[in-house]
Amino acid sequence: MAPAIVHFLVGASLAVLLAVPLALRTGAERRSLWLVGVGGLWGLFPDVHYVSPVFETQLRTLHESWVADLFAFHYTLDQPPFATNPLESIAGSILVFLVSVTVFTTGTAVSDPHGRNRSDPPTRHSIALRLLVSGYAVVVAAGLAAATVAVVLAATGRLEPVATLVGREGGRTALALVLAVALAGGATFALVVSAVGGFTRRATPLGGAVLGVLLGLCAWVVAAFAAPIWMDTALGLERPIPYVHRVGMVAIVCFGGLVGALYPAVRRLVAPPGYGSSR
């Protein structure tokens, strides 16, 4: 089991990050400290069976099932490698908490709900706001898309083989690799759409999905040549060039479509009212 402080800090971090859109749209920071307490208790809730005088059996069953992941990934944090490396888990949770507080504080500092700072040319203030809005949208869109693709791959028994791309085995390595590639892909998508003049502010989920699918196809073509070269050079595993992996193509294209649909929607949800209307 992971230390209680890990569950508290992870829950608090997630609560603070989920409130970033509120910080960006309103600039409100009153009562924001309550987010830490409420989020921390949310992450700790499955451990309540240790002190509860009633429903101990039911609460213990909840604690020992995957349902506990609904409480800030409590079940996952109680498994290796988190549970078997308590000091590293504590250090990691502290780092995550500090990052989440920094993001939230930055959001309240650069929030511009009334458009007072959206000038031309852009100031450092408006650039910071743009980066924060886009970065938040990338993480959310890429994370949700990666989770969807990972669930489908796991359900079809194709998740663990992904780890062979880095010479490892196991679902956790595969999941970490999927997430890392997803974040890189999401960031690439954001850079592409920002380079297309006016696309960001006019984009719809459908238009974003089409662009995401096209970029996904391009990424698959590149991977068909790059992946076998990497596997042969770094891992000593021979693959044909190009390596036409149809399941991989479907996964990459679907991921691109999901990111493309989610990114403009999340960005519009997070951004202050009227944000980007002048761009």
C-alpha atoms as a PDB file:
ATOM      1  CA  MET A   1       0.000   0.000   0.000  1.00  0.00           C
ATOM      2  CA  ALA A   2       1.110   3.529  -0.739  1.00  0.00           C
ATOM      3  CA  PRO A   3       1.509   5.931   2.210  1.00  0.00           C
ATOM      4  CA  ALA A   4      -1.571   7.966   3.091  1.00  0.00           C
ATOM      5  CA  ILE A   5       0.210  11.211   2.230  1.00  0.00           C
ATOM      6  CA  VAL A   6       0.588   9.992  -1.362  1.00  0.00           C
ATOM      7  CA  HIS A   7      -3.170   9.462  -1.698  1.00  0.00           C
ATOM      8  CA  PHE A   8      -3.856  12.851  -0.113  1.00  0.00           C
ATOM      9  CA  LEU A   9      -1.446  14.759  -2.349  1.00  0.00           C
ATOM     10  CA  VAL A  10      -2.540  13.012  -5.552  1.00  0.00           C
ATOM     11  CA  GLY A  11      -6.202  13.693  -4.762  1.00  0.00           C
ATOM     12  CA  ALA A  12      -5.444  17.321  -3.920  1.00  0.00           C
ATOM     13  CA  SER A  13      -3.385  17.705  -7.104  1.00  0.00           C
ATOM     14  CA  LEU A  14      -6.157  16.349  -9.319  1.00  0.00           C
ATOM     15  CA  ALA A  15      -8.754  18.584  -7.660  1.00  0.00           C
ATOM     16  CA  VAL A  16      -6.560  21.640  -8.177  1.00  0.00           C
ATOM     17  CA  LEU A  17      -5.884  20.750 -11.819  1.00  0.00           C
ATOM     18  CA  LEU A  18      -9.577  20.141 -12.490  1.00  0.00           C
ATOM     19  CA  ALA A  19     -10.264  23.646 -11.179  1.00  0.00           C
ATOM     20  CA  VAL A  20      -7.801  25.315 -13.560  1.00  0.00           C
ATOM     21  CA  PRO A  21     -10.575  26.163 -16.085  1.00  0.00           C
ATOM     22  CA  LEU A  22     -12.376  28.044 -13.305  1.00  0.00           C
ATOM     23  CA  ALA A  23      -9.190  29.942 -12.504  1.00  0.00           C
ATOM     24  CA  LEU A  24      -8.665  30.850 -16.152  1.00  0.00           C
ATOM     25  CA  ARG A  25     -12.244  31.892 -16.835  1.00  0.00           C
ATOM     26  CA  THR A  26     -12.890  33.893 -13.681  1.00  0.00           C
ATOM     27  CA  GLY A  27      -9.521  34.553 -12.073  1.00  0.00           C
ATOM     28  CA  ALA A  28     -11.183  33.614  -8.785  1.00  0.00           C
ATOM     29  CA  GLU A  29      -8.879  32.359  -6.064  1.00  0.00           C
ATOM     30  CA  ARG A  30     -11.073  32.878  -3.018  1.00  0.00           C
ATOM     31  CA  ARG A  31     -11.609  29.659  -1.090  1.00  0.00           C
ATOM     32  CA  SER A  32      -9.166  27.900  -3.431  1.00  0.00           C
ATOM     33  CA  LEU A  33      -7.450  26.298  -0.436  1.00  0.00           C
ATOM     34  CA  TRP A  34     -10.592  24.232   0.045  1.00  0.00           C
ATOM     35  CA  LEU A  35      -9.659  22.418  -3.152  1.00  0.00           C
ATOM     36  CA  VAL A  36      -6.626  20.945  -1.403  1.00  0.00           C
ATOM     37  CA  GLY A  37      -8.622  19.659   1.557  1.00  0.00           C
ATOM     38  CA  VAL A  38     -11.551  18.325  -0.453  1.00  0.00           C
ATOM     39  CA  GLY A  39      -9.291  16.727  -3.061  1.00  0.00           C
ATOM     40  CA  GLY A  40      -7.063  15.169  -0.420  1.00  0.00           C
ATOM     41  CA  LEU A  41     -10.018  13.614   1.396  1.00  0.00           C
ATOM     42  CA  TRP A  42     -11.351  12.374  -1.947  1.00  0.00           C
ATOM     43  CA  GLY A  43      -8.072  10.565  -2.571  1.00  0.00           C
ATOM     44  CA  LEU A  44      -8.036   9.112   0.954  1.00  0.00           C
ATOM     45  CA  PHE A  45     -11.669   7.968   1.068  1.00  0.00           C
ATOM     46  CA  PRO A  46     -11.090   4.249   0.240  1.00  0.00           C
ATOM     47  CA  ASP A  47      -8.904   4.017   3.375  1.00  0.00           C
ATOM     48  CA  VAL A  48     -11.839   4.978   5.586  1.00  0.00           C
ATOM     49  CA  HIS A  49     -12.483   1.299   6.345  1.00  0.00           C
ATOM     50  CA  TYR A  50      -9.551   1.430   8.782  1.00  0.00           C
ATOM     51  CA  VAL A  51     -11.414   3.815  11.091  1.00  0.00           C
ATOM     52  CA  SER A  52     -15.083   3.392  10.198  1.00  0.00           C
ATOM     53  CA  PRO A  53     -17.227   1.788  12.940  1.00  0.00           C
ATOM     54  CA  VAL A  54     -19.812   0.667  10.353  1.00  0.00           C
ATOM     55  CA  PHE A  55     -19.808  -0.967   6.906  1.00  0.00           C
ATOM     56  CA  GLU A  56     -16.231  -2.115   7.407  1.00  0.00           C
ATOM     57  CA  THR A  57     -16.614  -5.160   5.137  1.00  0.00           C
ATOM     58  CA  GLN A  58     -18.198  -3.199   2.293  1.00  0.00           C
ATOM     59  CA  LEU A  59     -15.639  -0.422   2.545  1.00  0.00           C
ATOM     60  CA  ARG A  60     -12.775  -2.922   2.570  1.00  0.00           C
ATOM     61  CA  THR A  61     -14.197  -4.549  -0.554  1.00  0.00           C
ATOM     62  CA  LEU A  62     -14.283  -1.139  -2.222  1.00  0.00           C
ATOM     63  CA  HIS A  63     -10.686  -0.492  -1.174  1.00  0.00           C
ATOM     64  CA  GLU A  64      -9.485  -3.759  -2.706  1.00  0.00           C
ATOM     65  CA  SER A  65     -11.249  -3.368  -6.062  1.00  0.00           C
ATOM     66  CA  TRP A  66     -10.513  -1.301  -9.152  1.00  0.00           C
ATOM     67  CA  VAL A  67     -13.523   0.865  -8.285  1.00  0.00           C
ATOM     68  CA  ALA A  68     -11.231   2.612  -5.796  1.00  0.00           C
ATOM     69  CA  ASP A  69      -9.496   4.171  -8.805  1.00  0.00           C
ATOM     70  CA  LEU A  70     -12.482   6.522  -9.001  1.00  0.00           C
ATOM     71  CA  PHE A  71     -10.950   8.149  -5.920  1.00  0.00           C
ATOM     72  CA  ALA A  72      -7.805   9.688  -7.424  1.00  0.00           C
ATOM     73  CA  PHE A  73      -6.434   6.345  -8.697  1.00  0.00           C
ATOM     74  CA  HIS A  74      -6.318   4.947  -5.156  1.00  0.00           C
ATOM     75  CA  TYR A  75      -6.249   1.281  -6.221  1.00  0.00           C
ATOM     76  CA  THR A  76      -3.457   1.818  -8.765  1.00  0.00           C
ATOM     77  CA  LEU A  77      -1.358   3.709  -6.228  1.00  0.00           C
ATOM     78  CA  ASP A  78      -1.653   0.761  -3.838  1.00  0.00           C
ATOM     79  CA  GLN A  79      -0.012  -1.536  -6.421  1.00  0.00           C
ATOM     80  CA  PRO A  80       3.656  -1.906  -7.420  1.00  0.00           C
ATOM     81  CA  PRO A  81       5.747   0.047  -8.200  1.00  0.00           C
ATOM     82  CA  PHE A  82       4.120   2.795  -6.097  1.00  0.00           C
ATOM     83  CA  ALA A  83       3.410   0.636  -3.044  1.00  0.00           C
ATOM     84  CA  THR A  84       6.855  -0.973  -3.081  1.00  0.00           C
ATOM     85  CA  ASN A  85       8.740   2.328  -3.369  1.00  0.00           C
ATOM     86  CA  PRO A  86       7.211   4.542  -0.657  1.00  0.00           C
ATOM     87  CA  LEU A  87       9.937   7.202  -0.544  1.00  0.00           C
ATOM     88  CA  GLU A  88       9.922   7.644  -4.311  1.00  0.00           C
ATOM     89  CA  SER A  89       6.109   7.726  -4.295  1.00  0.00           C
ATOM     90  CA  ILE A  90       6.076  10.446  -1.645  1.00  0.00           C
ATOM     91  CA  ALA A  91       8.647  12.503  -3.552  1.00  0.00           C
ATOM     92  CA  GLY A  92       6.709  12.074  -6.787  1.00  0.00           C
ATOM     93  CA  SER A  93       3.393  13.064  -5.210  1.00  0.00           C
ATOM     94  CA  ILE A  94       4.979  16.174  -3.688  1.00  0.00           C
ATOM     95  CA  LEU A  95       6.342  17.130  -7.107  1.00  0.00           C
ATOM     96  CA  VAL A  96       2.942  16.583  -8.748  1.00  0.00           C
ATOM     97  CA  PHE A  97       1.281  18.697  -6.053  1.00  0.00           C
ATOM     98  CA  LEU A  98       3.766  21.543  -6.518  1.00  0.00           C
ATOM     99  CA  VAL A  99       3.245  21.465 -10.283  1.00  0.00           C
ATOM    100  CA  SER A 100      -0.553  21.523  -9.928  1.00  0.00           C
ATOM    101  CA  VAL A 101      -0.421  24.463  -7.507  1.00  0.00           C
ATOM    102  CA  THR A 102       1.915  26.309  -9.880  1.00  0.00           C
ATOM    103  CA  VAL A 103      -0.434  25.742 -12.814  1.00  0.00           C
ATOM    104  CA  PHE A 104      -3.486  26.885 -10.835  1.00  0.00           C
ATOM    105  CA  THR A 105      -1.706  29.944  -9.457  1.00  0.00           C
ATOM    106  CA  THR A 106      -0.486  30.871 -12.924  1.00  0.00           C
ATOM    107  CA  GLY A 107      -4.043  30.509 -14.185  1.00  0.00           C
ATOM    108  CA  THR A 108      -5.375  32.985 -11.639  1.00  0.00           C
ATOM    109  CA  ALA A 109      -2.496  35.370 -12.346  1.00  0.00           C
ATOM    110  CA  VAL A 110      -2.881  35.485 -16.137  1.00  0.00           C
ATOM    111  CA  SER A 111      -6.659  35.108 -16.256  1.00  0.00           C
ATOM    112  CA  ASP A 112      -8.242  37.747 -18.435  1.00  0.00           C
ATOM    113  CA  PRO A 113     -12.022  37.171 -18.345  1.00  0.00           C
ATOM    114  CA  HIS A 114     -12.814  40.677 -19.641  1.00  0.00           C
ATOM    115  CA  GLY A 115     -10.225  40.824 -22.420  1.00  0.00           C
ATOM    116  CA  ARG A 116      -8.313  43.766 -20.969  1.00  0.00           C
ATOM    117  CA  ASN A 117      -4.903  42.280 -21.791  1.00  0.00           C
ATOM    118  CA  ARG A 118      -5.580  40.864 -25.251  1.00  0.00           C
ATOM    119  CA  SER A 119      -3.539  43.418 -27.124  1.00  0.00           C
ATOM    120  CA  ASP A 120      -1.768  43.492 -30.448  1.00  0.00           C
ATOM    121  CA  PRO A 121       1.168  42.892 -30.405  1.00  0.00           C
ATOM    122  CA  PRO A 122       0.772  40.264 -27.681  1.00  0.00           C
ATOM    123  CA  THR A 123       2.294  40.942 -24.288  1.00  0.00           C
ATOM    124  CA  ARG A 124       4.103  38.466 -22.064  1.00  0.00           C
ATOM    125  CA  HIS A 125       0.854  38.248 -20.094  1.00  0.00           C
ATOM    126  CA  SER A 126      -1.227  37.226 -23.111  1.00  0.00           C
ATOM    127  CA  ILE A 127       1.462  34.807 -24.321  1.00  0.00           C
ATOM    128  CA  ALA A 128       1.483  33.092 -20.920  1.00  0.00           C
ATOM    129  CA  LEU A 129      -2.309  32.835 -21.050  1.00  0.00           C
ATOM    130  CA  ARG A 130      -2.198  31.329 -24.533  1.00  0.00           C
ATOM    131  CA  LEU A 131       0.443  28.784 -23.525  1.00  0.00           C
ATOM    132  CA  LEU A 132      -1.473  27.769 -20.410  1.00  0.00           C
ATOM    133  CA  VAL A 133      -4.785  27.379 -22.255  1.00  0.00           C
ATOM    134  CA  SER A 134      -3.196  25.370 -25.072  1.00  0.00           C
ATOM    135  CA  GLY A 135      -1.076  23.261 -22.716  1.00  0.00           C
ATOM    136  CA  TYR A 136      -4.035  22.374 -20.531  1.00  0.00           C
ATOM    137  CA  ALA A 137      -6.097  21.444 -23.589  1.00  0.00           C
ATOM    138  CA  VAL A 138      -3.265  19.263 -24.916  1.00  0.00           C
ATOM    139  CA  VAL A 139      -2.888  17.327 -21.660  1.00  0.00           C
ATOM    140  CA  VAL A 140      -6.634  16.748 -21.263  1.00  0.00           C
ATOM    141  CA  ALA A 141      -7.287  15.854 -24.906  1.00  0.00           C
ATOM    142  CA  ALA A 142      -4.218  13.623 -25.253  1.00  0.00           C
ATOM    143  CA  GLY A 143      -4.844  11.980 -21.878  1.00  0.00           C
ATOM    144  CA  LEU A 144      -8.467  11.116 -22.682  1.00  0.00           C
ATOM    145  CA  ALA A 145      -7.560   9.891 -26.161  1.00  0.00           C
ATOM    146  CA  ALA A 146      -4.683   7.789 -24.797  1.00  0.00           C
ATOM    147  CA  ALA A 147      -6.929   6.271 -22.130  1.00  0.00           C
ATOM    148  CA  THR A 148      -9.537   5.352 -24.754  1.00  0.00           C
ATOM    149  CA  VAL A 149      -6.990   3.747 -27.071  1.00  0.00           C
ATOM    150  CA  ALA A 150      -5.307   1.935 -24.154  1.00  0.00           C
ATOM    151  CA  VAL A 151      -8.620   0.490 -22.955  1.00  0.00           C
ATOM    152  CA  VAL A 152      -9.423  -0.804 -26.448  1.00  0.00           C
ATOM    153  CA  LEU A 153      -5.935  -2.290 -26.861  1.00  0.00           C
ATOM    154  CA  ALA A 154      -6.126  -3.936 -23.433  1.00  0.00           C
ATOM    155  CA  ALA A 155      -9.578  -5.360 -24.148  1.00  0.00           C
ATOM    156  CA  THR A 156      -8.294  -6.930 -27.367  1.00  0.00           C
ATOM    157  CA  GLY A 157      -5.058  -8.207 -25.802  1.00  0.00           C
ATOM    158  CA  ARG A 158      -2.855  -5.866 -27.829  1.00  0.00           C
ATOM    159  CA  LEU A 159      -1.634  -3.476 -25.127  1.00  0.00           C
ATOM    160  CA  GLU A 160       1.322  -5.413 -23.685  1.00  0.00           C
ATOM    161  CA  PRO A 161       3.031  -5.976 -27.082  1.00  0.00           C
ATOM    162  CA  VAL A 162       3.417  -2.184 -27.326  1.00  0.00           C
ATOM    163  CA  ALA A 163       6.172  -2.440 -24.688  1.00  0.00           C
ATOM    164  CA  THR A 164       8.378  -4.344 -27.160  1.00  0.00           C
ATOM    165  CA  LEU A 165       9.015  -1.036 -28.931  1.00  0.00           C
ATOM    166  CA  VAL A 166      11.368  -0.144 -26.068  1.00  0.00           C
ATOM    167  CA  GLY A 167      12.586  -3.674 -25.390  1.00  0.00           C
ATOM    168  CA  ARG A 168      10.425  -4.208 -22.309  1.00  0.00           C
ATOM    169  CA  GLU A 169       7.451  -6.326 -21.289  1.00  0.00           C
ATOM    170  CA  GLY A 170       4.330  -5.699 -19.253  1.00  0.00           C
ATOM    171  CA  GLY A 171       1.194  -3.633 -19.324  1.00  0.00           C
ATOM    172  CA  ARG A 172       2.539  -0.812 -17.152  1.00  0.00           C
ATOM    173  CA  THR A 173       5.445  -0.123 -19.486  1.00  0.00           C
ATOM    174  CA  ALA A 174       3.088  -0.254 -22.447  1.00  0.00           C
ATOM    175  CA  LEU A 175       0.670   2.138 -20.760  1.00  0.00           C
ATOM    176  CA  ALA A 176       3.472   4.578 -19.903  1.00  0.00           C
ATOM    177  CA  LEU A 177       4.690   4.447 -23.503  1.00  0.00           C
ATOM    178  CA  VAL A 178       1.180   5.054 -24.871  1.00  0.00           C
ATOM    179  CA  LEU A 179       0.782   8.062 -22.569  1.00  0.00           C
ATOM    180  CA  ALA A 180       4.196   9.511 -23.473  1.00  0.00           C
ATOM    181  CA  VAL A 181       3.542   9.150 -27.199  1.00  0.00           C
ATOM    182  CA  ALA A 182       0.057  10.597 -26.716  1.00  0.00           C
ATOM    183  CA  LEU A 183       1.382  13.731 -25.035  1.00  0.00           C
ATOM    184  CA  ALA A 184       3.986  14.185 -27.762  1.00  0.00           C
ATOM    185  CA  GLY A 185       1.319  13.675 -30.416  1.00  0.00           C
ATOM    186  CA  GLY A 186      -1.058  16.085 -28.713  1.00  0.00           C
ATOM    187  CA  ALA A 187       1.645  18.746 -28.502  1.00  0.00           C
ATOM    188  CA  THR A 188       2.443  18.244 -32.191  1.00  0.00           C
ATOM    189  CA  PHE A 189      -1.232  18.635 -33.079  1.00  0.00           C
ATOM    190  CA  ALA A 190      -1.425  21.871 -31.074  1.00  0.00           C
ATOM    191  CA  LEU A 191       1.660  23.259 -32.834  1.00  0.00           C
ATOM    192  CA  VAL A 192       0.204  22.408 -36.239  1.00  0.00           C
ATOM    193  CA  VAL A 193      -3.173  24.020 -35.581  1.00  0.00           C
ATOM    194  CA  SER A 194      -1.516  27.112 -34.100  1.00  0.00           C
ATOM    195  CA  ALA A 195       0.446  27.463 -37.340  1.00  0.00           C
ATOM    196  CA  VAL A 196      -2.767  27.386 -39.391  1.00  0.00           C
ATOM    197  CA  GLY A 197      -3.963  30.973 -39.250  1.00  0.00           C
ATOM    198  CA  GLY A 198      -7.403  31.333 -37.694  1.00  0.00           C
ATOM    199  CA  PHE A 199      -7.992  27.580 -37.353  1.00  0.00           C
ATOM    200  CA  THR A 200      -7.799  27.531 -33.566  1.00  0.00           C
ATOM    201  CA  ARG A 201     -10.572  30.031 -32.928  1.00  0.00           C
ATOM    202  CA  ARG A 202     -12.856  28.687 -35.699  1.00  0.00           C
ATOM    203  CA  ALA A 203     -12.196  24.987 -35.166  1.00  0.00           C
ATOM    204  CA  THR A 204     -15.062  22.633 -34.449  1.00  0.00           C
ATOM    205  CA  PRO A 205     -14.729  19.089 -33.089  1.00  0.00           C
ATOM    206  CA  LEU A 206     -15.551  17.744 -36.566  1.00  0.00           C
ATOM    207  CA  GLY A 207     -12.950  19.868 -38.316  1.00  0.00           C
ATOM    208  CA  GLY A 208     -10.407  19.027 -35.649  1.00  0.00           C
ATOM    209  CA  ALA A 209     -11.169  15.320 -36.000  1.00  0.00           C
ATOM    210  CA  VAL A 210     -10.595  15.447 -39.771  1.00  0.00           C
ATOM    211  CA  LEU A 211      -7.271  17.220 -39.295  1.00  0.00           C
ATOM    212  CA  GLY A 212      -6.355  14.763 -36.533  1.00  0.00           C
ATOM    213  CA  VAL A 213      -7.062  11.777 -38.776  1.00  0.00           C
ATOM    214  CA  LEU A 214      -4.902  13.245 -41.549  1.00  0.00           C
ATOM    215  CA  LEU A 215      -2.053  13.909 -39.133  1.00  0.00           C
ATOM    216  CA  GLY A 216      -2.505  10.402 -37.715  1.00  0.00           C
ATOM    217  CA  LEU A 217      -2.100   8.910 -41.190  1.00  0.00           C
ATOM    218  CA  CYS A 218       1.056  10.963 -41.714  1.00  0.00           C
ATOM    219  CA  ALA A 219       2.401   9.810 -38.345  1.00  0.00           C
ATOM    220  CA  TRP A 220       1.684   6.173 -39.215  1.00  0.00           C
ATOM    221  CA  VAL A 221       3.580   6.470 -42.514  1.00  0.00           C
ATOM    222  CA  VAL A 222       6.580   7.922 -40.676  1.00  0.00           C
ATOM    223  CA  ALA A 223       6.354   5.209 -38.003  1.00  0.00           C
ATOM    224  CA  ALA A 224       6.189   2.479 -40.660  1.00  0.00           C
ATOM    225  CA  PHE A 225       9.742   3.419 -41.666  1.00  0.00           C
ATOM    226  CA  ALA A 226      11.149   4.736 -38.382  1.00  0.00           C
ATOM    227  CA  ALA A 227       9.948   1.961 -36.041  1.00  0.00           C
ATOM    228  CA  PRO A 228      11.699  -0.962 -37.808  1.00  0.00           C
ATOM    229  CA  ILE A 229      14.924   1.043 -38.101  1.00  0.00           C
ATOM    230  CA  TRP A 230      14.771   1.839 -34.372  1.00  0.00           C
ATOM    231  CA  MET A 231      13.974  -1.763 -33.393  1.00  0.00           C
ATOM    232  CA  ASP A 232      16.797  -3.144 -35.529  1.00  0.00           C
ATOM    233  CA  THR A 233      19.391  -0.576 -34.405  1.00  0.00           C
ATOM    234  CA  ALA A 234      18.559  -0.294 -30.701  1.00  0.00           C
ATOM    235  CA  LEU A 235      16.960  -3.642 -29.882  1.00  0.00           C
ATOM    236  CA  GLY A 236      18.325  -6.044 -32.475  1.00  0.00           C
ATOM    237  CA  LEU A 237      14.823  -6.979 -33.627  1.00  0.00           C
ATOM    238  CA  GLU A 238      14.400  -7.282 -37.374  1.00  0.00           C
ATOM    239  CA  ARG A 239      11.238  -5.938 -38.966  1.00  0.00           C
ATOM    240  CA  PRO A 240      10.441  -5.348 -42.644  1.00  0.00           C
ATOM    241  CA  ILE A 241      10.743  -1.811 -44.009  1.00  0.00           C
ATOM    242  CA  PRO A 242       8.139  -0.421 -44.262  1.00  0.00           C
ATOM    243  CA  TYR A 243       6.540  -2.225 -41.324  1.00  0.00           C
ATOM    244  CA  VAL A 244       2.843  -2.251 -42.264  1.00  0.00           C
ATOM    245  CA  HIS A 245       1.081  -2.834 -38.947  1.00  0.00           C
ATOM    246  CA  ARG A 246      -2.650  -2.463 -39.578  1.00  0.00           C
ATOM    247  CA  VAL A 247      -3.677  -2.497 -35.915  1.00  0.00           C
ATOM    248  CA  GLY A 248      -1.114   0.210 -35.236  1.00  0.00           C
ATOM    249  CA  MET A 249      -2.501   2.251 -38.108  1.00  0.00           C
ATOM    250  CA  VAL A 250      -6.043   2.017 -36.736  1.00  0.00           C
ATOM    251  CA  ALA A 251      -4.847   2.946 -33.228  1.00  0.00           C
ATOM    252  CA  ILE A 252      -2.838   5.966 -34.425  1.00  0.00           C
ATOM    253  CA  VAL A 253      -5.583   7.229 -36.733  1.00  0.00           C
ATOM    254  CA  CYS A 254      -8.251   6.830 -34.045  1.00  0.00           C
ATOM    255  CA  PHE A 255      -6.022   8.609 -31.558  1.00  0.00           C
ATOM    256  CA  GLY A 256      -5.499  11.459 -34.003  1.00  0.00           C
ATOM    257  CA  GLY A 257      -9.229  11.767 -34.573  1.00  0.00           C
ATOM    258  CA  LEU A 258      -9.965  11.803 -30.845  1.00  0.00           C
ATOM    259  CA  VAL A 259      -7.318  14.412 -30.094  1.00  0.00           C
ATOM    260  CA  GLY A 260      -8.521  16.509 -33.015  1.00  0.00           C
ATOM    261  CA  ALA A 261     -12.103  16.420 -31.773  1.00  0.00           C
ATOM    262  CA  LEU A 262     -11.275  17.010 -28.115  1.00  0.00           C
ATOM    263  CA  TYR A 263      -8.595  19.695 -28.389  1.00  0.00           C
ATOM    264  CA  PRO A 264     -10.723  22.573 -29.742  1.00  0.00           C
ATOM    265  CA  ALA A 265     -13.606  21.638 -27.441  1.00  0.00           C
ATOM    266  CA  VAL A 266     -11.433  21.574 -24.315  1.00  0.00           C
ATOM    267  CA  ARG A 267      -9.609  24.727 -25.366  1.00  0.00           C
ATOM    268  CA  ARG A 268     -12.888  26.580 -25.809  1.00  0.00           C
ATOM    269  CA  LEU A 269     -14.124  25.291 -22.449  1.00  0.00           C
ATOM    270  CA  VAL A 270     -10.987  26.381 -20.616  1.00  0.00           C
ATOM    271  CA  ALA A 271     -10.371  29.760 -22.235  1.00  0.00           C
ATOM    272  CA  PRO A 272     -11.768  32.995 -20.771  1.00  0.00           C
ATOM    273  CA  PRO A 273     -14.919  34.399 -22.472  1.00  0.00           C
ATOM    274  CA  GLY A 274     -14.068  36.057 -25.783  1.00  0.00           C
ATOM    275  CA  TYR A 275     -10.556  34.591 -25.777  1.00  0.00           C
ATOM    276  CA  GLY A 276      -9.059  34.542 -29.254  1.00  0.00           C
ATOM    277  CA  SER A 277     -11.833  36.642 -30.808  1.00  0.00           C
ATOM    278  CA  SER A 278      -9.312  39.168 -31.920  1.00  0.00           C
ATOM    279  CA  ARG A 279      -6.894  36.671 -33.398  1.00  0.00           C
END
